[in-house]
Protein backbone atom coordinates (compact mmCIF):
# COMPACT_ATOMS: atom_id res chain seq x y z
CA UNK A 1 -65.66 17.20 -129.46
CA UNK A 2 -64.08 19.76 -126.83
CA UNK A 3 -61.13 21.00 -129.46
CA UNK A 4 -58.65 20.61 -125.94
CA UNK A 5 -59.59 16.87 -125.79
CA UNK A 6 -59.09 16.66 -129.73
CA UNK A 7 -56.16 17.63 -129.85
CA UNK A 8 -53.43 15.35 -131.00
CA UNK A 9 -50.35 15.57 -128.58
CA UNK A 10 -47.22 15.30 -130.08
CA UNK A 11 -44.66 14.99 -127.12
CA UNK A 12 -41.58 13.10 -129.04
CA UNK A 13 -38.88 15.47 -127.38
CA UNK A 14 -40.42 15.24 -123.85
CA UNK A 15 -40.69 10.97 -124.08
CA UNK A 16 -37.03 10.72 -125.26
CA UNK A 17 -36.12 13.10 -122.29
CA UNK A 18 -38.03 10.82 -119.60
CA UNK A 19 -36.50 7.49 -121.89
CA UNK A 20 -32.91 9.12 -121.74
CA UNK A 21 -33.05 9.98 -117.93
CA UNK A 22 -34.21 6.28 -117.43
CA UNK A 23 -31.01 4.61 -119.44
CA UNK A 24 -33.83 2.84 -121.62
CA UNK A 25 -32.74 2.13 -125.16
CA UNK A 26 -36.06 2.54 -127.61
CA UNK A 27 -36.33 -1.47 -127.51
CA UNK A 28 -35.90 -1.49 -123.93
CA UNK A 29 -39.37 0.84 -123.42
CA UNK A 30 -40.93 -0.36 -126.53
CA UNK A 31 -41.03 -3.78 -125.19
CA UNK A 32 -42.35 -2.67 -121.16
CA UNK A 33 -44.48 -0.24 -122.92
CA UNK A 34 -46.12 -3.14 -125.07
CA UNK A 35 -44.92 -1.17 -128.34
CA UNK A 36 -42.93 -1.96 -131.25
CA UNK A 37 -39.82 -0.06 -131.39
CA UNK A 38 -40.53 1.78 -134.86
CA UNK A 39 -43.32 3.01 -133.42
CA UNK A 40 -41.75 4.25 -130.07
CA UNK A 41 -39.61 5.83 -133.13
CA UNK A 42 -41.88 7.14 -135.09
CA UNK A 43 -43.53 8.73 -131.27
CA UNK A 44 -39.75 10.33 -130.06
CA UNK A 45 -39.57 11.97 -133.97
CA UNK A 46 -43.00 13.51 -133.82
CA UNK A 47 -44.21 11.56 -136.85
CA UNK A 48 -46.79 10.04 -134.59
CA UNK A 49 -48.81 11.88 -132.01
CA UNK A 50 -49.18 9.92 -128.06
CA UNK A 51 -52.43 8.06 -127.94
CA UNK A 52 -54.15 8.11 -124.42
CA UNK A 53 -53.84 4.25 -123.93
CA UNK A 54 -50.09 4.91 -124.31
CA UNK A 55 -50.09 7.68 -121.68
CA UNK A 56 -51.75 5.63 -118.87
CA UNK A 57 -49.00 2.82 -119.46
CA UNK A 58 -46.09 5.54 -119.10
CA UNK A 59 -48.13 6.51 -116.23
CA UNK A 60 -48.57 3.04 -114.56
CA UNK A 61 -44.42 1.66 -115.71
CA UNK A 62 -42.14 4.29 -115.11
CA UNK A 63 -44.62 5.89 -111.99
CA UNK A 64 -44.85 8.95 -114.27
CA UNK A 65 -46.56 11.82 -113.45
CA UNK A 66 -48.73 12.80 -116.45
CA UNK A 67 -48.79 16.14 -115.63
CA UNK A 68 -45.18 16.86 -116.22
CA UNK A 69 -45.45 15.87 -119.78
CA UNK A 70 -47.32 18.87 -120.40
CA UNK A 71 -44.28 21.32 -118.91
CA UNK A 72 -41.02 22.11 -120.71
CA UNK A 73 -39.46 18.72 -120.59
CA UNK A 74 -35.80 20.62 -119.04
CA UNK A 75 -34.32 23.47 -117.56
CA UNK A 76 -35.05 25.72 -120.40
CA UNK A 77 -38.32 27.01 -120.85
CA UNK A 78 -39.63 28.59 -123.26
CA UNK A 79 -39.70 32.05 -121.91
CA UNK A 80 -36.10 31.76 -120.71
CA UNK A 81 -35.15 30.61 -124.15
CA UNK A 82 -37.65 34.13 -126.16
CA UNK A 83 -35.20 36.16 -123.29
CA UNK A 84 -32.26 34.95 -124.64
CA UNK A 85 -33.09 35.85 -128.37
CA UNK A 86 -34.31 38.99 -127.59
CA UNK A 87 -30.71 40.04 -127.00
CA UNK A 88 -28.83 43.13 -129.57
CA UNK A 89 -26.85 40.27 -131.16
CA UNK A 90 -29.66 38.75 -132.54
CA UNK A 91 -31.06 41.21 -133.81
CA UNK A 92 -32.42 41.38 -137.23
CA UNK A 93 -32.66 37.02 -137.01
CA UNK A 94 -36.47 37.32 -135.71
CA UNK A 95 -36.55 34.42 -134.27
CA UNK A 96 -40.48 33.18 -134.50
CA UNK A 97 -42.33 31.89 -131.24
CA UNK A 98 -43.16 28.34 -132.74
CA UNK A 99 -39.23 27.82 -133.49
CA UNK A 100 -38.78 28.78 -129.64
CA UNK A 101 -41.06 26.75 -128.42
CA UNK A 102 -40.33 23.68 -131.10
CA UNK A 103 -36.75 24.10 -129.53
CA UNK A 104 -37.72 23.97 -125.69
CA UNK A 105 -40.09 20.77 -126.22
CA UNK A 106 -38.14 18.55 -129.10
CA UNK A 107 -34.80 19.62 -128.34
CA UNK A 108 -34.83 20.23 -124.57
CA UNK A 109 -30.92 19.02 -124.29
CA UNK A 110 -29.91 21.77 -127.01
CA UNK A 111 -31.84 24.16 -125.59
CA UNK A 112 -30.40 23.77 -122.67
CA UNK A 113 -27.05 24.09 -124.06
CA UNK A 114 -28.58 27.10 -125.84
CA UNK A 115 -28.62 28.92 -122.80
CA UNK A 116 -25.54 27.48 -121.02
CA UNK A 117 -23.66 29.26 -123.82
CA UNK A 118 -25.56 32.93 -123.68
CA UNK A 119 -24.67 32.95 -119.96
CA UNK A 120 -21.39 32.09 -120.73
CA UNK A 121 -21.17 34.93 -123.31
CA UNK A 122 -22.93 37.46 -121.42
CA UNK A 123 -20.65 36.91 -118.42
CA UNK A 124 -17.68 37.24 -120.68
CA UNK A 125 -19.44 40.83 -122.03
CA UNK A 126 -20.34 41.90 -118.23
CA UNK A 127 -16.49 41.40 -117.47
CA UNK A 128 -15.13 43.76 -120.38
CA UNK A 129 -17.77 46.76 -119.42
CA UNK A 130 -21.32 45.69 -120.75
CA UNK A 131 -24.24 45.17 -119.34
CA UNK A 132 -25.76 41.30 -118.07
CA UNK A 133 -25.55 38.52 -115.48
CA UNK A 134 -24.35 34.99 -116.04
CA UNK A 135 -24.31 31.89 -114.21
CA UNK A 136 -21.13 30.02 -115.85
CA UNK A 137 -18.53 31.69 -113.68
CA UNK A 138 -21.56 32.55 -110.24
CA UNK A 139 -21.53 29.31 -108.05
CA UNK A 140 -24.44 31.39 -107.01
CA UNK A 141 -26.15 30.93 -110.27
CA UNK A 142 -25.07 27.51 -110.86
CA UNK A 143 -26.50 26.04 -107.94
CA UNK A 144 -29.60 27.92 -108.35
CA UNK A 145 -30.05 26.49 -112.06
CA UNK A 146 -29.56 23.20 -111.07
CA UNK A 147 -32.01 23.20 -108.19
CA UNK A 148 -34.26 24.47 -110.48
CA UNK A 149 -33.40 21.95 -113.29
CA UNK A 150 -34.69 19.19 -110.58
CA UNK A 151 -37.83 21.33 -110.58
CA UNK A 152 -36.12 22.07 -106.38
CA UNK A 153 -37.43 18.50 -105.39
CA UNK A 154 -35.34 16.00 -104.36
CA UNK A 155 -36.80 12.93 -103.30
CA UNK A 156 -33.74 10.92 -101.72
CA UNK A 157 -33.60 13.94 -99.10
CA UNK A 158 -37.41 13.93 -98.43
CA UNK A 159 -37.47 10.60 -97.51
CA UNK A 160 -34.08 10.69 -95.15
CA UNK A 161 -35.50 13.82 -93.68
CA UNK A 162 -39.04 12.42 -92.41
CA UNK A 163 -37.15 8.83 -91.59
CA UNK A 164 -35.14 10.71 -88.77
CA UNK A 165 -38.04 13.03 -88.17
CA UNK A 166 -39.69 9.87 -86.91
CA UNK A 167 -36.75 9.10 -85.34
CA UNK A 168 -36.24 12.34 -82.69
CA UNK A 169 -39.84 11.86 -82.12
CA UNK A 170 -39.43 7.96 -81.36
CA UNK A 171 -36.47 9.25 -79.21
CA UNK A 172 -38.52 11.84 -77.35
CA UNK A 173 -42.02 12.06 -77.57
CA UNK A 174 -44.32 15.53 -76.78
CA UNK A 175 -40.59 17.80 -76.93
CA UNK A 176 -40.34 20.34 -78.44
CA UNK A 177 -38.25 19.75 -81.93
CA UNK A 178 -34.78 22.52 -81.14
CA UNK A 179 -34.66 19.65 -77.33
CA UNK A 180 -34.97 16.43 -79.11
CA UNK A 181 -32.21 17.26 -81.90
CA UNK A 182 -29.89 18.73 -79.16
CA UNK A 183 -30.27 15.37 -77.65
CA UNK A 184 -29.59 13.45 -80.64
CA UNK A 185 -26.36 15.46 -81.52
CA UNK A 186 -25.26 15.08 -77.85
CA UNK A 187 -26.30 11.01 -77.15
CA UNK A 188 -25.50 9.46 -81.07
CA UNK A 189 -22.75 12.17 -82.10
CA UNK A 190 -21.07 13.94 -78.80
CA UNK A 191 -21.49 17.32 -79.76
CA UNK A 192 -23.46 19.91 -77.50
CA UNK A 193 -24.88 23.19 -78.84
CA UNK A 194 -24.13 26.83 -77.32
CA UNK A 195 -25.72 29.86 -77.52
CA UNK A 196 -23.37 32.64 -77.22
CA UNK A 197 -23.21 36.66 -76.89
CA UNK A 198 -23.11 38.55 -80.53
CA UNK A 199 -20.25 40.44 -80.05
CA UNK A 200 -18.19 36.95 -79.38
CA UNK A 201 -20.01 35.64 -82.41
CA UNK A 202 -19.19 38.30 -84.78
CA UNK A 203 -19.84 37.47 -87.99
CA UNK A 204 -21.15 34.20 -87.55
CA UNK A 205 -24.84 32.92 -86.66
CA UNK A 206 -23.56 29.63 -86.91
CA UNK A 207 -20.54 27.88 -86.46
CA UNK A 208 -18.98 24.48 -85.65
CA UNK A 209 -16.25 23.88 -83.56
CA UNK A 210 -15.02 20.06 -84.59
CA UNK A 211 -11.99 20.39 -82.26
CA UNK A 212 -14.16 20.79 -79.29
CA UNK A 213 -17.56 19.27 -80.49
CA UNK A 214 -19.61 22.16 -80.49
CA UNK A 215 -22.20 24.39 -82.72
CA UNK A 216 -22.26 27.60 -81.92
CA UNK A 217 -24.95 29.79 -82.69
CA UNK A 218 -25.71 33.76 -82.13
CA UNK A 219 -27.88 34.94 -79.53
CA UNK A 220 -29.27 36.81 -83.05
CA UNK A 221 -31.08 34.03 -84.13
CA UNK A 222 -34.69 33.36 -83.19
CA UNK A 223 -36.65 30.41 -82.41
CA UNK A 224 -37.55 29.00 -85.56
CA UNK A 225 -33.75 30.29 -86.68
CA UNK A 226 -32.11 28.13 -83.71
CA UNK A 227 -34.14 25.54 -84.59
CA UNK A 228 -33.07 25.14 -88.25
CA UNK A 229 -29.62 25.66 -87.40
CA UNK A 230 -29.79 22.48 -85.33
CA UNK A 231 -31.50 20.87 -88.07
CA UNK A 232 -28.66 21.18 -90.53
CA UNK A 233 -25.50 20.04 -88.16
CA UNK A 234 -27.56 17.12 -87.26
CA UNK A 235 -28.22 16.79 -91.05
CA UNK A 236 -24.49 17.17 -91.79
CA UNK A 237 -23.85 14.47 -88.45
CA UNK A 238 -26.22 12.15 -89.60
CA UNK A 239 -26.04 11.46 -93.53
CA UNK A 240 -22.48 13.65 -94.77
CA UNK A 241 -21.66 10.76 -96.99
CA UNK A 242 -25.05 10.76 -98.64
CA UNK A 243 -25.24 14.96 -98.71
CA UNK A 244 -21.32 14.82 -100.61
CA UNK A 245 -22.48 12.07 -102.79
CA UNK A 246 -25.07 14.04 -104.44
CA UNK A 247 -23.42 17.25 -104.52
CA UNK A 248 -20.45 15.18 -106.45
CA UNK A 249 -23.13 13.52 -108.91
CA UNK A 250 -24.28 16.71 -109.95
CA UNK A 251 -21.04 17.94 -111.71
CA UNK A 252 -20.26 21.06 -110.72
CA UNK A 253 -17.50 23.05 -112.93
CA UNK A 254 -15.53 23.99 -109.59
CA UNK A 255 -14.86 23.30 -105.63
CA UNK A 256 -16.01 26.21 -104.43
CA UNK A 257 -19.45 25.73 -106.78
CA UNK A 258 -19.56 21.95 -105.31
CA UNK A 259 -18.89 22.58 -101.37
CA UNK A 260 -22.28 25.65 -102.25
CA UNK A 261 -24.69 22.63 -103.61
CA UNK A 262 -23.56 20.95 -100.93
CA UNK A 263 -24.61 23.49 -98.11
CA UNK A 264 -27.57 23.65 -100.44
CA UNK A 265 -28.82 20.28 -99.85
CA UNK A 266 -28.25 20.41 -96.60
CA UNK A 267 -30.38 22.78 -96.19
CA UNK A 268 -33.19 21.17 -98.47
CA UNK A 269 -32.24 18.07 -95.85
CA UNK A 270 -32.49 20.45 -92.66
CA UNK A 271 -36.02 21.51 -93.81
CA UNK A 272 -37.37 18.15 -94.38
CA UNK A 273 -36.63 17.13 -90.78
CA UNK A 274 -37.96 20.06 -89.40
CA UNK A 275 -40.84 19.78 -91.78
CA UNK A 276 -41.79 16.72 -93.17
CA UNK A 277 -42.63 15.87 -96.10
CA UNK A 278 -45.81 13.90 -95.51
CA UNK A 279 -47.02 15.61 -92.28
CA UNK A 280 -46.41 19.08 -94.07
CA UNK A 281 -48.10 18.23 -97.32
CA UNK A 282 -50.96 17.06 -95.55
CA UNK A 283 -51.26 19.66 -93.47
CA UNK A 284 -51.02 22.56 -95.95
CA UNK A 285 -53.77 20.70 -98.20
CA UNK A 286 -55.95 20.27 -94.85
CA UNK A 287 -55.64 23.90 -93.86
CA UNK A 288 -55.49 25.79 -97.83
CA UNK A 289 -51.63 26.43 -97.46
CA UNK A 290 -52.52 28.74 -94.55
CA UNK A 291 -48.94 29.76 -94.11
CA UNK A 292 -50.01 30.77 -89.99
CA UNK A 293 -50.82 27.53 -89.32
CA UNK A 294 -48.05 25.37 -90.75
CA UNK A 295 -45.69 27.83 -88.91
CA UNK A 296 -47.42 27.27 -85.82
CA UNK A 297 -47.68 23.59 -86.14
CA UNK A 298 -43.89 23.21 -87.22
CA UNK A 299 -42.45 25.73 -85.67
CA UNK A 300 -40.86 27.69 -88.58
CA UNK A 301 -40.86 30.68 -89.52
CA UNK A 302 -43.02 32.33 -92.68
CA UNK A 303 -39.81 32.12 -94.77
CA UNK A 304 -39.24 28.66 -94.02
CA UNK A 305 -43.01 28.00 -95.04
CA UNK A 306 -42.86 29.64 -98.07
CA UNK A 307 -40.07 28.38 -98.88
CA UNK A 308 -41.06 24.24 -98.29
CA UNK A 309 -44.00 24.91 -100.53
CA UNK A 310 -42.02 25.55 -103.24
CA UNK A 311 -40.65 21.43 -103.10
CA UNK A 312 -44.21 19.46 -102.60
CA UNK A 313 -44.08 17.50 -106.04
CA UNK A 314 -44.03 13.92 -104.31
CA UNK A 315 -45.99 12.31 -106.86
CA UNK A 316 -47.89 10.13 -104.88
CA UNK A 317 -48.67 13.63 -103.17
CA UNK A 318 -48.10 16.81 -104.83
CA UNK A 319 -49.26 20.14 -103.80
CA UNK A 320 -50.28 23.12 -105.40
CA UNK A 321 -47.04 24.33 -107.78
CA UNK A 322 -45.83 26.90 -106.28
CA UNK A 323 -43.17 29.85 -107.02
CA UNK A 324 -40.98 32.02 -104.42
CA UNK A 325 -39.02 35.16 -105.10
CA UNK A 326 -37.21 37.10 -102.46
CA UNK A 327 -35.68 40.59 -102.84
CA UNK A 328 -34.15 43.35 -100.77
CA UNK A 329 -35.09 46.96 -100.87
CA UNK A 330 -32.41 47.57 -103.61
CA UNK A 331 -34.70 44.95 -105.88
CA UNK A 332 -31.59 42.52 -105.50
CA UNK A 333 -33.30 38.59 -105.82
CA UNK A 334 -31.73 36.49 -103.37
CA UNK A 335 -33.54 33.79 -104.22
CA UNK A 336 -36.00 32.01 -107.12
CA UNK A 337 -37.60 28.84 -106.85
CA UNK A 338 -40.50 26.71 -108.48
CA UNK A 339 -41.88 23.37 -108.61
CA UNK A 340 -43.61 24.62 -111.70
CA UNK A 341 -43.34 26.53 -114.45
CA UNK A 342 -41.83 29.92 -113.31
CA UNK A 343 -43.33 33.22 -114.95
CA UNK A 344 -40.19 35.82 -114.12
CA UNK A 345 -36.87 36.52 -116.18
CA UNK A 346 -34.09 34.42 -115.11
CA UNK A 347 -32.13 36.81 -116.56
CA UNK A 348 -33.10 40.19 -114.76
CA UNK A 349 -35.20 41.66 -111.80
CA UNK A 350 -39.02 41.55 -111.33
CA UNK A 351 -41.86 43.59 -112.41
CA UNK A 352 -42.35 47.18 -110.91
CA UNK A 353 -45.76 45.95 -111.34
CA UNK A 354 -46.24 43.09 -108.96
CA UNK A 355 -46.41 44.45 -105.27
CA UNK A 356 -43.82 42.15 -104.25
CA UNK A 357 -42.04 45.08 -104.03
CA UNK A 358 -45.10 46.99 -102.39
CA UNK A 359 -44.57 44.77 -99.27
CA UNK A 360 -42.13 46.83 -97.62
CA UNK A 361 -44.62 50.05 -97.36
CA UNK A 362 -47.16 47.13 -94.84
CA UNK A 363 -44.10 45.45 -93.30
CA UNK A 364 -45.37 42.22 -91.98
CA UNK A 365 -48.74 42.51 -94.18
CA UNK A 366 -50.01 39.12 -96.41
CA UNK A 367 -50.60 41.74 -100.14
CA UNK A 368 -52.60 39.45 -102.20
CA UNK A 369 -52.72 39.87 -106.10
CA UNK A 370 -53.45 38.37 -109.04
CA UNK A 371 -51.15 39.29 -111.82
CA UNK A 372 -51.31 38.40 -115.87
CA UNK A 373 -47.56 37.83 -117.73
CA UNK A 374 -47.16 38.30 -121.32
CA UNK A 375 -48.00 35.10 -123.02
CA UNK A 376 -51.57 35.75 -121.01
CA UNK A 377 -51.14 33.24 -117.84
CA UNK A 378 -52.51 34.44 -114.66
CA UNK A 379 -51.13 34.01 -111.14
CA UNK A 380 -52.40 34.74 -107.73
CA UNK A 381 -49.59 35.86 -105.54
CA UNK A 382 -48.82 36.77 -102.14
CA UNK A 383 -46.11 38.88 -100.68
CA UNK A 384 -45.10 39.60 -97.08
CA UNK A 385 -41.99 41.47 -95.89
CA UNK A 386 -39.69 39.51 -93.40
CA UNK A 387 -36.30 39.46 -90.92
CA UNK A 388 -33.44 38.80 -91.96
CA UNK A 389 -31.60 35.89 -90.31
CA UNK A 390 -29.53 37.56 -88.11
CA UNK A 391 -28.08 41.50 -87.84
CA UNK A 392 -25.60 44.00 -87.86
CA UNK A 393 -25.82 47.78 -87.11
CA UNK A 394 -26.57 48.41 -90.32
CA UNK A 395 -29.67 45.93 -90.62
CA UNK A 396 -33.57 46.98 -90.37
CA UNK A 397 -36.39 44.97 -89.71
CA UNK A 398 -38.51 43.85 -92.33
CA UNK A 399 -35.92 44.38 -94.91
CA UNK A 400 -36.44 41.70 -96.95
CA UNK A 401 -40.12 40.47 -98.93
CA UNK A 402 -40.86 37.24 -100.02
CA UNK A 403 -43.47 36.81 -102.94
CA UNK A 404 -45.27 33.29 -103.52
CA UNK A 405 -47.68 32.51 -105.96
CA UNK A 406 -48.92 29.85 -108.31
CA UNK A 407 -51.08 29.43 -111.24
CA UNK A 408 -54.63 31.11 -110.62
CA UNK A 409 -56.22 27.94 -111.64
CA UNK A 410 -55.11 26.34 -108.26
CA UNK A 411 -55.94 29.28 -106.49
CA UNK A 412 -59.45 27.99 -105.43
CA UNK A 413 -57.59 25.46 -102.85
CA UNK A 414 -55.50 28.38 -101.01
CA UNK A 415 -57.46 29.95 -97.71
CA UNK A 416 -56.30 33.47 -98.54
CA UNK A 417 -58.36 33.47 -102.29
CA UNK A 418 -61.23 32.78 -100.43
CA UNK A 419 -64.00 35.11 -100.95
CA UNK A 420 -62.47 36.80 -103.61
CA UNK A 421 -64.43 36.29 -107.70
CA UNK A 422 -61.18 33.96 -109.07
CA UNK A 423 -63.72 33.61 -112.61
CA UNK A 424 -63.21 37.16 -113.24
CA UNK A 425 -60.79 38.82 -110.77
CA UNK A 426 -58.81 42.24 -111.18
CA UNK A 427 -55.95 41.21 -112.92
CA UNK A 428 -52.45 43.25 -113.14
CA UNK A 429 -50.76 42.93 -116.07
CA UNK A 430 -46.84 42.53 -115.65
CA UNK A 431 -43.88 41.96 -117.91
CA UNK A 432 -40.47 40.59 -117.22
CA UNK A 433 -37.32 42.73 -116.64
CA UNK A 434 -37.72 46.52 -117.99
CA UNK A 435 -35.61 45.53 -120.93
CA UNK A 436 -36.97 42.06 -121.68
CA UNK A 437 -40.77 43.57 -122.09
CA UNK A 438 -42.45 44.73 -124.85
CA UNK A 439 -45.70 45.75 -122.62
CA UNK A 440 -46.56 49.81 -123.37
CA UNK A 441 -47.42 52.18 -122.69
CA UNK A 442 -46.46 51.95 -119.00
CA UNK A 443 -45.37 54.59 -116.90
CA UNK A 444 -43.55 51.94 -114.37
CA UNK A 445 -40.76 50.84 -117.16
CA UNK A 446 -37.04 51.86 -116.14
CA UNK A 447 -35.38 51.04 -119.10
CA UNK A 448 -36.27 50.46 -122.58
CA UNK A 449 -36.33 46.75 -124.33
CA UNK A 450 -33.16 45.95 -125.84
CA UNK A 451 -34.79 44.77 -129.01
CA UNK A 452 -36.63 47.30 -129.94
CA UNK A 453 -35.50 51.31 -131.16
CA UNK A 454 -36.60 54.02 -129.24
CA UNK A 455 -39.34 56.45 -130.57
CA UNK A 456 -38.19 59.70 -129.57
CA UNK A 457 -40.30 63.09 -130.12
CA UNK A 458 -40.77 66.49 -129.51
CA UNK A 459 -44.07 67.39 -130.18
CA UNK A 460 -45.63 64.63 -127.50
CA UNK A 461 -44.57 62.84 -124.56
CA UNK A 462 -45.97 59.24 -123.13
CA UNK A 463 -47.11 58.25 -120.34
CA UNK A 464 -43.79 55.77 -120.05
CA UNK A 465 -40.72 57.46 -120.10
CA UNK A 466 -38.96 55.08 -123.28
CA UNK A 467 -41.49 55.10 -125.45
CA UNK A 468 -40.48 52.30 -128.53
CA UNK A 469 -41.23 51.19 -131.96
CA UNK A 470 -43.40 48.61 -132.18
CA UNK A 471 -44.92 49.20 -129.07
């Protein structure tokens, strides 16, 4: 018998997390599944494996996608925990990988709490002049972590977006999207839309004037950005109460973070109106996730279409689980989302071996690459430059790069991978941020790993500028 098929599945922590998310007692879930409470208790404590029959009952009873039970149950993944434990503060502890895996899988809430505590510590250390990053006091990082904890999927917003998109089409069949939205804003909300010169708008690309009920747009916005701007205003005008409730339910630590989360949720709803889930997912599948075709069909930009691909996690109509990262020419990361596994460092930048940064040398051209992370995972990736929304006197064209990718096992579904040998591909080994990476030797290394001592030798020179012990 195949070893993978014969392997026993101990999913106690994930099953417990599911039960708590559903607000069920052990007795109630046991009754739903037709098993005894004691049997369920043994499973949750990993004293009994989960049978195939029970998995099928779970899927049928609670509409659970069985693939999600094979992934990390919470926001804290094995890779993130490994990054945290690599900090010098834990030097000498040598937490073994199997304990990290067990913590992430069996105690996801505790693992998430540990990461939050580590980020808070890192932020305090940064304020004292040390090197670190944190999500504790940063609204943008908090919102990013919250969105990722939801796998960048908000089914309630997708449902609202589909309904509103259908209503727009019924209001003015065949009309361009922006025309339909402008008409609905005027007829339903008494709101007009005006495009003004950049010197009048100054720093703003979009601004709503509630006194005159006018949405003001900068002339610097292209067609796809204008369409998104009016969709954003329509989302607020029609579903402000729902968006406020969703933002409040997340229990953000302060008012600025809550407000930023609401903006993020409104962006999500605007994308769902512009690219309604059902038609977008079907088109993606039919075209082999051809971003050019998706742009043309829905009148959106490359970045808008790429971002939407990371949200296709509806259990009955899942898309390829993509991750996305956006960087500027200085290497600053301004977007990082994933609908499935996410291979890159949360506490640092991207590996220079990944061609995401090389995209700046070939503006507008899509670069493909197959990469391998230290855990042996292989990923098919695309990288391309995009223009920043709006501009000022210092902004250049193609000053951002979008990295999009998925696990290699999904690459056969992508039009851009056709003709490539996916069974024996050319693979580039990469790592997380240099200070967390143990790959050696590496000529692109910018810093030594923080948990390994440097090996300085007067008599020899490595291709790596920072050779280290254990490399």
